[in-house]
């Protein structure tokens, strides 16, 4: 059974800022929420999206991202990249290990 977190990251940011206004110390704020002081400050003052572990500690939904790679061209069979070279002798495709590929 999946539990849907009821808090949002915006709620957590407001809580952190309110706790900092009362405590005047990121170290104390981090201690309250079981985080490093730098992580508490980073979440409160920036648009940082915490990873799974920190999101679980705070009770917020973990970030969900997708990395799309747009490919313009044809990927040769048996390879995974557009830059695959073809052997002049056997006509097989290969990926060079040279740093300037």
C-alpha atoms as a PDB file:
ATOM      1  CA  UNK A   1       0.000   0.000   0.000  1.00  0.00           C
ATOM      2  CA  UNK A   2       1.421   3.359  -1.011  1.00  0.00           C
ATOM      3  CA  UNK A   3       1.025   6.262   1.385  1.00  0.00           C
ATOM      4  CA  UNK A   4       0.597   9.640  -0.297  1.00  0.00           C
ATOM      5  CA  UNK A   5       2.407  12.344   1.681  1.00  0.00           C
ATOM      6  CA  UNK A   6       0.134  15.132   2.830  1.00  0.00           C
ATOM      7  CA  UNK A   7       2.878  17.763   3.085  1.00  0.00           C
ATOM      8  CA  UNK A   8       4.307  19.602   0.148  1.00  0.00           C
ATOM      9  CA  UNK A   9       7.814  20.934  -0.245  1.00  0.00           C
ATOM     10  CA  UNK A  10       6.406  24.462   0.024  1.00  0.00           C
ATOM     11  CA  UNK A  11       4.953  23.589   3.436  1.00  0.00           C
ATOM     12  CA  UNK A  12       8.333  22.279   4.568  1.00  0.00           C
ATOM     13  CA  UNK A  13      10.087  25.430   3.319  1.00  0.00           C
ATOM     14  CA  UNK A  14       7.670  27.622   5.279  1.00  0.00           C
ATOM     15  CA  UNK A  15       8.185  25.467   8.397  1.00  0.00           C
ATOM     16  CA  UNK A  16      11.963  25.736   8.042  1.00  0.00           C
ATOM     17  CA  UNK A  17      11.833  29.519   7.648  1.00  0.00           C
ATOM     18  CA  UNK A  18       9.490  29.857  10.634  1.00  0.00           C
ATOM     19  CA  UNK A  19      11.741  27.620  12.745  1.00  0.00           C
ATOM     20  CA  UNK A  20      14.785  29.656  11.707  1.00  0.00           C
ATOM     21  CA  UNK A  21      12.993  32.903  12.614  1.00  0.00           C
ATOM     22  CA  UNK A  22      12.337  31.483  16.086  1.00  0.00           C
ATOM     23  CA  UNK A  23      15.683  29.702  16.643  1.00  0.00           C
ATOM     24  CA  UNK A  24      18.095  31.958  14.665  1.00  0.00           C
ATOM     25  CA  UNK A  25      20.216  28.884  13.912  1.00  0.00           C
ATOM     26  CA  UNK A  26      20.204  26.462  10.984  1.00  0.00           C
ATOM     27  CA  UNK A  27      21.947  23.965  13.249  1.00  0.00           C
ATOM     28  CA  UNK A  28      18.943  23.940  15.591  1.00  0.00           C
ATOM     29  CA  UNK A  29      16.506  23.747  12.676  1.00  0.00           C
ATOM     30  CA  UNK A  30      18.408  20.812  11.215  1.00  0.00           C
ATOM     31  CA  UNK A  31      18.405  19.068  14.580  1.00  0.00           C
ATOM     32  CA  UNK A  32      14.612  19.424  14.865  1.00  0.00           C
ATOM     33  CA  UNK A  33      14.091  17.806  11.464  1.00  0.00           C
ATOM     34  CA  UNK A  34      16.990  15.297  11.715  1.00  0.00           C
ATOM     35  CA  UNK A  35      18.925  16.911   8.853  1.00  0.00           C
ATOM     36  CA  UNK A  36      22.316  18.495   8.405  1.00  0.00           C
ATOM     37  CA  UNK A  37      22.139  22.283   8.950  1.00  0.00           C
ATOM     38  CA  UNK A  38      23.354  22.924   5.426  1.00  0.00           C
ATOM     39  CA  UNK A  39      20.589  20.721   3.973  1.00  0.00           C
ATOM     40  CA  UNK A  40      17.914  22.508   6.002  1.00  0.00           C
ATOM     41  CA  UNK A  41      19.190  25.888   4.771  1.00  0.00           C
ATOM     42  CA  UNK A  42      19.452  24.655   1.186  1.00  0.00           C
ATOM     43  CA  UNK A  43      15.856  23.419   1.170  1.00  0.00           C
ATOM     44  CA  UNK A  44      14.499  26.540   2.885  1.00  0.00           C
ATOM     45  CA  UNK A  45      16.249  29.212   0.826  1.00  0.00           C
ATOM     46  CA  UNK A  46      16.571  27.720  -2.662  1.00  0.00           C
ATOM     47  CA  UNK A  47      14.470  25.752  -5.104  1.00  0.00           C
ATOM     48  CA  UNK A  48      16.415  22.584  -4.234  1.00  0.00           C
ATOM     49  CA  UNK A  49      14.445  19.363  -4.675  1.00  0.00           C
ATOM     50  CA  UNK A  50      15.570  16.814  -2.052  1.00  0.00           C
ATOM     51  CA  UNK A  51      16.307  13.222  -3.001  1.00  0.00           C
ATOM     52  CA  UNK A  52      14.421  10.136  -1.876  1.00  0.00           C
ATOM     53  CA  UNK A  53      16.047   9.766   1.549  1.00  0.00           C
ATOM     54  CA  UNK A  54      15.573  13.391   2.607  1.00  0.00           C
ATOM     55  CA  UNK A  55      12.045  13.454   1.139  1.00  0.00           C
ATOM     56  CA  UNK A  56      11.185  10.384   3.228  1.00  0.00           C
ATOM     57  CA  UNK A  57      12.548  12.048   6.383  1.00  0.00           C
ATOM     58  CA  UNK A  58      10.483  15.159   5.698  1.00  0.00           C
ATOM     59  CA  UNK A  59       7.365  13.245   4.654  1.00  0.00           C
ATOM     60  CA  UNK A  60       7.080  14.808   1.205  1.00  0.00           C
ATOM     61  CA  UNK A  61       6.744  13.146  -2.173  1.00  0.00           C
ATOM     62  CA  UNK A  62      10.115  12.384  -3.770  1.00  0.00           C
ATOM     63  CA  UNK A  63      11.048  14.299  -6.881  1.00  0.00           C
ATOM     64  CA  UNK A  64      10.119  12.678 -10.120  1.00  0.00           C
ATOM     65  CA  UNK A  65      12.193  13.512 -13.144  1.00  0.00           C
ATOM     66  CA  UNK A  66      12.609  12.103 -16.570  1.00  0.00           C
ATOM     67  CA  UNK A  67      15.623  12.653 -18.777  1.00  0.00           C
ATOM     68  CA  UNK A  68      14.706  12.715 -22.433  1.00  0.00           C
ATOM     69  CA  UNK A  69      17.298  12.283 -25.124  1.00  0.00           C
ATOM     70  CA  UNK A  70      16.229  13.485 -28.535  1.00  0.00           C
ATOM     71  CA  UNK A  71      17.884  11.569 -31.327  1.00  0.00           C
ATOM     72  CA  UNK A  72      18.055  12.971 -34.820  1.00  0.00           C
ATOM     73  CA  UNK A  73      19.397  10.273 -37.064  1.00  0.00           C
ATOM     74  CA  UNK A  74      19.539   6.536 -37.267  1.00  0.00           C
ATOM     75  CA  UNK A  75      21.194   4.340 -34.683  1.00  0.00           C
ATOM     76  CA  UNK A  76      22.940   1.415 -36.371  1.00  0.00           C
ATOM     77  CA  UNK A  77      21.827  -2.083 -35.373  1.00  0.00           C
ATOM     78  CA  UNK A  78      23.888  -3.522 -32.521  1.00  0.00           C
ATOM     79  CA  UNK A  79      24.931  -0.110 -31.166  1.00  0.00           C
ATOM     80  CA  UNK A  80      23.472   2.419 -28.752  1.00  0.00           C
ATOM     81  CA  UNK A  81      24.832   5.674 -30.137  1.00  0.00           C
ATOM     82  CA  UNK A  82      24.628   7.674 -33.342  1.00  0.00           C
ATOM     83  CA  UNK A  83      28.411   8.132 -33.449  1.00  0.00           C
ATOM     84  CA  UNK A  84      29.102   4.430 -34.041  1.00  0.00           C
ATOM     85  CA  UNK A  85      31.782   3.853 -36.675  1.00  0.00           C
ATOM     86  CA  UNK A  86      31.777   1.094 -39.249  1.00  0.00           C
ATOM     87  CA  UNK A  87      34.718  -1.204 -39.824  1.00  0.00           C
ATOM     88  CA  UNK A  88      36.019  -1.040 -43.389  1.00  0.00           C
ATOM     89  CA  UNK A  89      36.966  -4.735 -43.404  1.00  0.00           C
ATOM     90  CA  UNK A  90      33.992  -6.522 -41.813  1.00  0.00           C
ATOM     91  CA  UNK A  91      31.343  -3.736 -42.035  1.00  0.00           C
ATOM     92  CA  UNK A  92      30.475  -4.211 -38.313  1.00  0.00           C
ATOM     93  CA  UNK A  93      29.631  -1.166 -36.228  1.00  0.00           C
ATOM     94  CA  UNK A  94      31.746  -0.287 -33.184  1.00  0.00           C
ATOM     95  CA  UNK A  95      32.106   2.497 -30.656  1.00  0.00           C
ATOM     96  CA  UNK A  96      35.578   3.992 -30.387  1.00  0.00           C
ATOM     97  CA  UNK A  97      37.278   4.219 -26.989  1.00  0.00           C
ATOM     98  CA  UNK A  98      39.304   7.232 -28.095  1.00  0.00           C
ATOM     99  CA  UNK A  99      38.743  10.306 -25.866  1.00  0.00           C
ATOM    100  CA  UNK A 100      38.044  12.540 -28.891  1.00  0.00           C
ATOM    101  CA  UNK A 101      35.318  10.357 -30.344  1.00  0.00           C
END
